[in-house]
Structure formats: structure tokens, C-alpha cells
Amino acid sequence: MKWVARAAALFLFCAACSWLDSIKERWYVLNPPFLHELAKDAIAASPDDPQGMISHIITNLTSTYPSTTRAISLNTDSSEWVFNNAGGAMGAMYIIHASITEYLIVFGTPLGTEGHTGLHTADDYFHILVGEQWAFRPGALEMERYAPGDVHYLPRGTAKQYKMHEGCFALEYARGWIPLMMPFGLADTFTSTLDVPTLYHTVRITAREMIKNLLMGKI
């Protein structure tokens, strides 16, 4: 009877996960085509100026989603950067939005980096702002090249090797089950860097933004 109960519980859990996955799109607020146009507008408004691009993006996002009627919470403190080590690559990120089903960050480094994209439960849209990103999947004999204004789309459940060649910054948007991406984003802290202050600030900022959105009803 104990094994029957466990099997039934596992079946119900899997059924609940499948049902939630089938309806997750109702909780999305941000829109990939809109973010692509926003990234291109930011590049045109402040060419080769990452800080100007970020200011342009934040100004437009807060205008599109004003605090009085906002469907999402946005972090407008663009000084709140933290290191990010994941998949062997290192850069820094500024978290603009984080909820259970979406995140929007600026990620990059002026030095260049290379690593594994990770195998995720979310679709990822990597909008290049400055520099270039190169990518490769097993079996390909030529690299993929993404320049400013391009979007590197990585469907959930797929992985690539990537390189942010000689420095690159991008507006990264992910939609899917964001908490399930966090082990990949934090694993290098425990296996390599042991950078406890960065771990603390990453968890603090992410949890703060997710809780803000949950309190607004944004999953």
C-alpha cells in the first residue's frame, strides 16, 4: 500500500506539472518582438554606449508598464550589477525583471567569455546590444554569428557552446519555468568560485523581485 500511495502521489505531481506547463503562457507579460524592437531602438539611440542603451531600455519599459497600471514589477536601479558564473562562462548581470515564468536581464562582459548555454526549461532570447556572440551546436561545421541588433534564440531543451567574442553585452529574455534555471546559474559558485557575496546578492535580488511580482499577482 505504501508503494501504491507513492506511485499515486508521483502520478498526481506529474499531472499537475503537465497541466501547469500547458497554461504557463497566460502569465507572460513581456513580448519577444517588442523586446527585439526595443533593443534595436536602444542601439540606434546610443551606438556603442552600453549605459546609454540600458537607460533607453529602462525608460521605455517603465513608460510601457507604468507603476500605476503595471502588470509587472521592474527593477530600475541600473547600478545593481552582480557577477554571474555559469557553464564555465563569466560575466555580470543586471536583473530588470524576475518572476516565476519570466526574467529580463542585461548580461555581458567587456573582456569576452565562453561556455555552455545550459539545458533549460525556458525559451531564451539573447538580444545583442554591443559586440558579437558566436555559437555552435554539435554537428555544425560552421559557427553561428550574432551581431548588434540580432537575436540568438535558444528553445528550451536545447544547448550550445557560445562565446561572447572580445566583449559583448546583451538584453536577455527568458520565458518558461525560471526557478528551474537557477541551479545552473548558481552551480559554479559551489564547484568553482566559492564567491559567497555574489551568491548572496544574486539570491537576494532574484528573491526580492520574484516576491514583488507574486504580491502583484504576476506568476
C-alpha atoms as a PDB file:
ATOM      1  CA  MET A   1       0.000   0.000   0.000  1.00  0.00           C
ATOM      2  CA  LYS A   2       2.894   2.336   0.738  1.00  0.00           C
ATOM      3  CA  TRP A   3       4.255   1.921  -2.817  1.00  0.00           C
ATOM      4  CA  VAL A   4       0.788   2.398  -4.289  1.00  0.00           C
ATOM      5  CA  ALA A   5       0.418   5.659  -2.376  1.00  0.00           C
ATOM      6  CA  ARG A   6       3.834   6.845  -3.562  1.00  0.00           C
ATOM      7  CA  ALA A   7       3.051   5.957  -7.158  1.00  0.00           C
ATOM      8  CA  ALA A   8      -0.278   7.786  -6.941  1.00  0.00           C
ATOM      9  CA  ALA A   9       1.406  10.856  -5.455  1.00  0.00           C
ATOM     10  CA  LEU A  10       4.033  10.802  -8.220  1.00  0.00           C
ATOM     11  CA  PHE A  11       1.318  10.489 -10.873  1.00  0.00           C
ATOM     12  CA  LEU A  12      -0.618  13.432  -9.432  1.00  0.00           C
ATOM     13  CA  PHE A  13       2.550  15.535  -9.224  1.00  0.00           C
ATOM     14  CA  CYS A  14       3.454  14.799 -12.847  1.00  0.00           C
ATOM     15  CA  ALA A  15      -0.123  15.512 -13.971  1.00  0.00           C
ATOM     16  CA  ALA A  16      -0.114  18.842 -12.098  1.00  0.00           C
ATOM     17  CA  CYS A  17       3.250  19.803 -13.656  1.00  0.00           C
ATOM     18  CA  SER A  18       1.969  18.902 -17.122  1.00  0.00           C
ATOM     19  CA  TRP A  19      -1.194  20.969 -16.631  1.00  0.00           C
ATOM     20  CA  LEU A  20       0.725  23.997 -15.327  1.00  0.00           C
ATOM     21  CA  ASP A  21       3.130  23.753 -18.250  1.00  0.00           C
ATOM     22  CA  SER A  22       0.219  23.771 -20.692  1.00  0.00           C
ATOM     23  CA  ILE A  23      -1.188  27.037 -19.284  1.00  0.00           C
ATOM     24  CA  LYS A  24       2.023  28.940 -18.436  1.00  0.00           C
ATOM     25  CA  GLU A  25       1.644  31.304 -21.397  1.00  0.00           C
ATOM     26  CA  ARG A  26      -1.269  33.064 -19.690  1.00  0.00           C
ATOM     27  CA  TRP A  27       1.224  34.513 -17.189  1.00  0.00           C
ATOM     28  CA  TYR A  28       3.605  36.008 -19.747  1.00  0.00           C
ATOM     29  CA  VAL A  29       3.607  39.811 -19.936  1.00  0.00           C
ATOM     30  CA  LEU A  30       6.737  40.668 -21.927  1.00  0.00           C
ATOM     31  CA  ASN A  31       6.722  40.110 -25.669  1.00  0.00           C
ATOM     32  CA  PRO A  32       9.747  38.934 -27.740  1.00  0.00           C
ATOM     33  CA  PRO A  33       9.006  41.096 -30.855  1.00  0.00           C
ATOM     34  CA  PHE A  34       8.551  44.166 -28.632  1.00  0.00           C
ATOM     35  CA  LEU A  35      11.847  43.494 -26.838  1.00  0.00           C
ATOM     36  CA  HIS A  36      13.626  42.981 -30.162  1.00  0.00           C
ATOM     37  CA  GLU A  37      12.423  46.371 -31.423  1.00  0.00           C
ATOM     38  CA  LEU A  38      13.328  47.945 -28.081  1.00  0.00           C
ATOM     39  CA  ALA A  39      16.865  46.551 -28.291  1.00  0.00           C
ATOM     40  CA  LYS A  40      17.282  47.846 -31.856  1.00  0.00           C
ATOM     41  CA  ASP A  41      15.940  51.277 -30.846  1.00  0.00           C
ATOM     42  CA  ALA A  42      18.413  51.383 -27.932  1.00  0.00           C
ATOM     43  CA  ILE A  43      21.306  50.559 -30.290  1.00  0.00           C
ATOM     44  CA  ALA A  44      20.231  53.305 -32.693  1.00  0.00           C
ATOM     45  CA  ALA A  45      19.781  55.853 -29.896  1.00  0.00           C
ATOM     46  CA  SER A  46      23.126  55.141 -28.180  1.00  0.00           C
ATOM     47  CA  PRO A  47      25.520  53.380 -30.573  1.00  0.00           C
ATOM     48  CA  ASP A  48      28.488  51.721 -28.816  1.00  0.00           C
ATOM     49  CA  ASP A  49      27.296  53.107 -25.473  1.00  0.00           C
ATOM     50  CA  PRO A  50      26.015  50.235 -23.272  1.00  0.00           C
ATOM     51  CA  GLN A  51      24.995  52.516 -20.404  1.00  0.00           C
ATOM     52  CA  GLY A  52      23.012  54.727 -22.773  1.00  0.00           C
ATOM     53  CA  MET A  53      21.311  51.647 -24.231  1.00  0.00           C
ATOM     54  CA  ILE A  54      20.374  50.405 -20.760  1.00  0.00           C
ATOM     55  CA  SER A  55      18.947  53.811 -19.817  1.00  0.00           C
ATOM     56  CA  HIS A  56      16.934  53.830 -23.047  1.00  0.00           C
ATOM     57  CA  ILE A  57      15.592  50.327 -22.346  1.00  0.00           C
ATOM     58  CA  ILE A  58      14.594  51.136 -18.759  1.00  0.00           C
ATOM     59  CA  THR A  59      12.938  54.418 -19.747  1.00  0.00           C
ATOM     60  CA  ASN A  60      10.865  52.698 -22.412  1.00  0.00           C
ATOM     61  CA  LEU A  61       9.935  49.745 -20.214  1.00  0.00           C
ATOM     62  CA  THR A  62       8.735  51.982 -17.385  1.00  0.00           C
ATOM     63  CA  SER A  63       6.764  54.022 -19.926  1.00  0.00           C
ATOM     64  CA  THR A  64       5.182  50.897 -21.416  1.00  0.00           C
ATOM     65  CA  TYR A  65       4.462  49.402 -17.985  1.00  0.00           C
ATOM     66  CA  PRO A  66       3.836  52.461 -15.733  1.00  0.00           C
ATOM     67  CA  SER A  67       3.805  51.912 -11.971  1.00  0.00           C
ATOM     68  CA  THR A  68       0.145  52.963 -11.696  1.00  0.00           C
ATOM     69  CA  THR A  69      -1.123  50.220 -14.011  1.00  0.00           C
ATOM     70  CA  ARG A  70       1.892  47.930 -14.211  1.00  0.00           C
ATOM     71  CA  ALA A  71       1.332  44.232 -14.793  1.00  0.00           C
ATOM     72  CA  ILE A  72       4.903  43.509 -13.737  1.00  0.00           C
ATOM     73  CA  SER A  73       7.456  44.850 -11.290  1.00  0.00           C
ATOM     74  CA  LEU A  74      10.654  46.281 -12.806  1.00  0.00           C
ATOM     75  CA  ASN A  75      13.971  46.902 -11.083  1.00  0.00           C
ATOM     76  CA  THR A  76      15.057  50.349 -12.290  1.00  0.00           C
ATOM     77  CA  ASP A  77      18.285  50.518 -10.267  1.00  0.00           C
ATOM     78  CA  SER A  78      20.779  50.007 -13.092  1.00  0.00           C
ATOM     79  CA  SER A  79      23.697  50.172 -10.643  1.00  0.00           C
ATOM     80  CA  GLU A  80      22.668  46.818  -9.162  1.00  0.00           C
ATOM     81  CA  TRP A  81      25.087  44.553 -11.054  1.00  0.00           C
ATOM     82  CA  VAL A  82      26.344  41.176  -9.845  1.00  0.00           C
ATOM     83  CA  PHE A  83      28.815  38.660 -11.252  1.00  0.00           C
ATOM     84  CA  ASN A  84      27.405  35.566 -12.921  1.00  0.00           C
ATOM     85  CA  ASN A  85      29.401  32.364 -13.389  1.00  0.00           C
ATOM     86  CA  ALA A  86      27.506  29.633 -15.222  1.00  0.00           C
ATOM     87  CA  GLY A  87      28.511  26.845 -17.570  1.00  0.00           C
ATOM     88  CA  GLY A  88      32.153  27.909 -17.387  1.00  0.00           C
ATOM     89  CA  ALA A  89      31.446  31.450 -18.626  1.00  0.00           C
ATOM     90  CA  MET A  90      31.787  34.589 -16.526  1.00  0.00           C
ATOM     91  CA  GLY A  91      30.115  37.963 -16.874  1.00  0.00           C
ATOM     92  CA  ALA A  92      27.929  40.330 -14.921  1.00  0.00           C
ATOM     93  CA  MET A  93      24.180  40.835 -14.954  1.00  0.00           C
ATOM     94  CA  TYR A  94      21.642  43.486 -14.052  1.00  0.00           C
ATOM     95  CA  ILE A  95      18.255  41.962 -13.263  1.00  0.00           C
ATOM     96  CA  ILE A  96      15.463  44.136 -14.679  1.00  0.00           C
ATOM     97  CA  HIS A  97      12.625  41.671 -14.084  1.00  0.00           C
ATOM     98  CA  ALA A  98      12.361  38.286 -12.385  1.00  0.00           C
ATOM     99  CA  SER A  99       9.215  36.268 -11.818  1.00  0.00           C
ATOM    100  CA  ILE A 100       8.290  32.591 -11.796  1.00  0.00           C
ATOM    101  CA  THR A 101       7.720  32.470 -15.563  1.00  0.00           C
ATOM    102  CA  GLU A 102       9.858  35.318 -16.982  1.00  0.00           C
ATOM    103  CA  TYR A 103      13.116  37.125 -16.492  1.00  0.00           C
ATOM    104  CA  LEU A 104      14.747  40.063 -18.250  1.00  0.00           C
ATOM    105  CA  ILE A 105      18.385  40.925 -17.634  1.00  0.00           C
ATOM    106  CA  VAL A 106      21.310  42.722 -19.188  1.00  0.00           C
ATOM    107  CA  PHE A 107      24.237  40.303 -19.277  1.00  0.00           C
ATOM    108  CA  GLY A 108      27.749  40.712 -20.569  1.00  0.00           C
ATOM    109  CA  THR A 109      31.410  41.492 -20.082  1.00  0.00           C
ATOM    110  CA  PRO A 110      33.882  43.849 -21.792  1.00  0.00           C
ATOM    111  CA  LEU A 111      36.551  41.120 -21.626  1.00  0.00           C
ATOM    112  CA  GLY A 112      34.947  38.264 -23.534  1.00  0.00           C
ATOM    113  CA  THR A 113      33.963  34.839 -22.200  1.00  0.00           C
ATOM    114  CA  GLU A 114      32.994  31.364 -23.364  1.00  0.00           C
ATOM    115  CA  GLY A 115      30.971  28.452 -22.025  1.00  0.00           C
ATOM    116  CA  HIS A 116      27.923  26.177 -22.134  1.00  0.00           C
ATOM    117  CA  THR A 117      24.484  27.767 -22.534  1.00  0.00           C
ATOM    118  CA  GLY A 118      22.872  25.288 -20.165  1.00  0.00           C
ATOM    119  CA  LEU A 119      19.918  23.000 -20.837  1.00  0.00           C
ATOM    120  CA  HIS A 120      16.888  24.955 -19.682  1.00  0.00           C
ATOM    121  CA  THR A 121      13.151  24.756 -19.047  1.00  0.00           C
ATOM    122  CA  ALA A 122      12.628  28.136 -20.698  1.00  0.00           C
ATOM    123  CA  ASP A 123      12.930  29.662 -24.166  1.00  0.00           C
ATOM    124  CA  ASP A 124      15.777  32.172 -24.259  1.00  0.00           C
ATOM    125  CA  TYR A 125      16.051  35.288 -26.443  1.00  0.00           C
ATOM    126  CA  PHE A 126      19.521  36.868 -26.429  1.00  0.00           C
ATOM    127  CA  HIS A 127      19.362  40.360 -27.990  1.00  0.00           C
ATOM    128  CA  ILE A 128      22.885  41.542 -28.825  1.00  0.00           C
ATOM    129  CA  LEU A 129      23.498  45.192 -27.891  1.00  0.00           C
ATOM    130  CA  VAL A 130      27.290  45.535 -28.165  1.00  0.00           C
ATOM    131  CA  GLY A 131      29.916  43.194 -29.621  1.00  0.00           C
ATOM    132  CA  GLU A 132      29.267  39.741 -31.030  1.00  0.00           C
ATOM    133  CA  GLN A 133      28.182  36.351 -29.749  1.00  0.00           C
ATOM    134  CA  TRP A 134      29.311  33.195 -31.502  1.00  0.00           C
ATOM    135  CA  ALA A 135      27.580  29.850 -31.035  1.00  0.00           C
ATOM    136  CA  PHE A 136      27.965  26.216 -32.044  1.00  0.00           C
ATOM    137  CA  ARG A 137      25.871  23.081 -31.729  1.00  0.00           C
ATOM    138  CA  PRO A 138      27.188  19.506 -32.083  1.00  0.00           C
ATOM    139  CA  GLY A 139      27.452  18.502 -35.724  1.00  0.00           C
ATOM    140  CA  ALA A 140      27.701  22.026 -37.102  1.00  0.00           C
ATOM    141  CA  LEU A 141      30.866  22.719 -39.067  1.00  0.00           C
ATOM    142  CA  GLU A 142      30.497  26.495 -39.078  1.00  0.00           C
ATOM    143  CA  MET A 143      29.795  28.828 -36.191  1.00  0.00           C
ATOM    144  CA  GLU A 144      26.688  30.957 -35.781  1.00  0.00           C
ATOM    145  CA  ARG A 145      27.448  34.677 -35.540  1.00  0.00           C
ATOM    146  CA  TYR A 146      25.180  37.234 -33.843  1.00  0.00           C
ATOM    147  CA  ALA A 147      25.894  40.976 -34.139  1.00  0.00           C
ATOM    148  CA  PRO A 148      24.231  44.055 -32.574  1.00  0.00           C
ATOM    149  CA  GLY A 149      20.514  44.011 -33.375  1.00  0.00           C
ATOM    150  CA  ASP A 150      20.427  40.223 -33.834  1.00  0.00           C
ATOM    151  CA  VAL A 151      18.594  37.779 -31.582  1.00  0.00           C
ATOM    152  CA  HIS A 152      20.066  34.420 -30.642  1.00  0.00           C
ATOM    153  CA  TYR A 153      17.013  32.262 -29.927  1.00  0.00           C
ATOM    154  CA  LEU A 154      17.597  29.134 -27.850  1.00  0.00           C
ATOM    155  CA  PRO A 155      14.469  26.957 -27.495  1.00  0.00           C
ATOM    156  CA  ARG A 156      14.020  25.194 -24.196  1.00  0.00           C
ATOM    157  CA  GLY A 157      15.617  21.780 -24.002  1.00  0.00           C
ATOM    158  CA  THR A 158      18.470  22.701 -26.376  1.00  0.00           C
ATOM    159  CA  ALA A 159      22.084  23.575 -25.611  1.00  0.00           C
ATOM    160  CA  LYS A 160      25.053  25.106 -27.403  1.00  0.00           C
ATOM    161  CA  GLN A 161      28.601  26.237 -26.844  1.00  0.00           C
ATOM    162  CA  TYR A 162      28.809  30.022 -27.009  1.00  0.00           C
ATOM    163  CA  LYS A 163      31.421  32.734 -26.948  1.00  0.00           C
ATOM    164  CA  MET A 164      30.971  36.441 -26.320  1.00  0.00           C
ATOM    165  CA  HIS A 165      33.853  37.465 -28.534  1.00  0.00           C
ATOM    166  CA  GLU A 166      36.142  40.232 -27.226  1.00  0.00           C
ATOM    167  CA  GLY A 167      33.382  41.654 -25.060  1.00  0.00           C
ATOM    168  CA  CYS A 168      29.650  41.701 -25.537  1.00  0.00           C
ATOM    169  CA  PHE A 169      26.516  42.926 -23.779  1.00  0.00           C
ATOM    170  CA  ALA A 170      23.011  41.660 -24.444  1.00  0.00           C
ATOM    171  CA  LEU A 171      19.429  42.058 -23.314  1.00  0.00           C
ATOM    172  CA  GLU A 172      18.408  38.516 -22.345  1.00  0.00           C
ATOM    173  CA  TYR A 173      14.787  37.464 -22.013  1.00  0.00           C
ATOM    174  CA  ALA A 174      13.687  34.019 -20.841  1.00  0.00           C
ATOM    175  CA  ARG A 175      10.125  32.678 -20.617  1.00  0.00           C
ATOM    176  CA  GLY A 176       9.272  29.364 -19.013  1.00  0.00           C
ATOM    177  CA  TRP A 177       9.921  27.944 -15.540  1.00  0.00           C
ATOM    178  CA  ILE A 178      12.585  30.305 -14.239  1.00  0.00           C
ATOM    179  CA  PRO A 179      13.291  28.750 -10.792  1.00  0.00           C
ATOM    180  CA  LEU A 180      14.350  25.524 -12.542  1.00  0.00           C
ATOM    181  CA  MET A 181      17.098  27.516 -14.312  1.00  0.00           C
ATOM    182  CA  MET A 182      18.666  28.667 -11.056  1.00  0.00           C
ATOM    183  CA  PRO A 183      20.718  25.519 -10.224  1.00  0.00           C
ATOM    184  CA  PHE A 184      22.668  26.032 -13.468  1.00  0.00           C
ATOM    185  CA  GLY A 185      23.147  29.709 -12.669  1.00  0.00           C
ATOM    186  CA  LEU A 186      24.450  29.008  -9.166  1.00  0.00           C
ATOM    187  CA  ALA A 187      26.336  25.708  -9.546  1.00  0.00           C
ATOM    188  CA  ASP A 188      29.701  27.285 -10.399  1.00  0.00           C
ATOM    189  CA  THR A 189      29.628  29.130  -7.075  1.00  0.00           C
ATOM    190  CA  PHE A 190      29.716  25.834  -5.188  1.00  0.00           C
ATOM    191  CA  THR A 191      32.050  23.927  -7.524  1.00  0.00           C
ATOM    192  CA  SER A 192      34.483  26.645  -8.541  1.00  0.00           C
ATOM    193  CA  THR A 193      34.357  30.290  -7.477  1.00  0.00           C
ATOM    194  CA  LEU A 194      33.138  29.974  -3.843  1.00  0.00           C
ATOM    195  CA  ASP A 195      32.122  33.626  -4.223  1.00  0.00           C
ATOM    196  CA  VAL A 196      29.706  33.823  -1.299  1.00  0.00           C
ATOM    197  CA  PRO A 197      28.986  37.594  -1.522  1.00  0.00           C
ATOM    198  CA  THR A 198      27.935  37.198  -5.187  1.00  0.00           C
ATOM    199  CA  LEU A 199      25.766  34.197  -4.261  1.00  0.00           C
ATOM    200  CA  TYR A 200      24.104  36.242  -1.515  1.00  0.00           C
ATOM    201  CA  HIS A 201      23.359  39.236  -3.742  1.00  0.00           C
ATOM    202  CA  THR A 202      22.130  37.048  -6.635  1.00  0.00           C
ATOM    203  CA  VAL A 203      19.692  35.195  -4.378  1.00  0.00           C
ATOM    204  CA  ARG A 204      18.676  38.387  -2.561  1.00  0.00           C
ATOM    205  CA  ILE A 205      17.876  40.371  -5.708  1.00  0.00           C
ATOM    206  CA  THR A 206      16.195  37.473  -7.510  1.00  0.00           C
ATOM    207  CA  ALA A 207      14.047  36.551  -4.494  1.00  0.00           C
ATOM    208  CA  ARG A 208      13.139  40.197  -3.879  1.00  0.00           C
ATOM    209  CA  GLU A 209      11.978  40.703  -7.472  1.00  0.00           C
ATOM    210  CA  MET A 210      10.071  37.403  -7.607  1.00  0.00           C
ATOM    211  CA  ILE A 211       8.283  38.173  -4.345  1.00  0.00           C
ATOM    212  CA  LYS A 212       7.389  41.688  -5.574  1.00  0.00           C
ATOM    213  CA  ASN A 213       5.821  40.173  -8.663  1.00  0.00           C
ATOM    214  CA  LEU A 214       3.987  37.456  -6.748  1.00  0.00           C
ATOM    215  CA  LEU A 215       2.488  40.126  -4.476  1.00  0.00           C
ATOM    216  CA  MET A 216       1.200  41.860  -7.632  1.00  0.00           C
ATOM    217  CA  GLY A 217      -0.302  38.579  -8.844  1.00  0.00           C
ATOM    218  CA  LYS A 218       2.391  38.097 -11.505  1.00  0.00           C
ATOM    219  CA  ILE A 219       3.490  34.462 -11.599  1.00  0.00           C
END
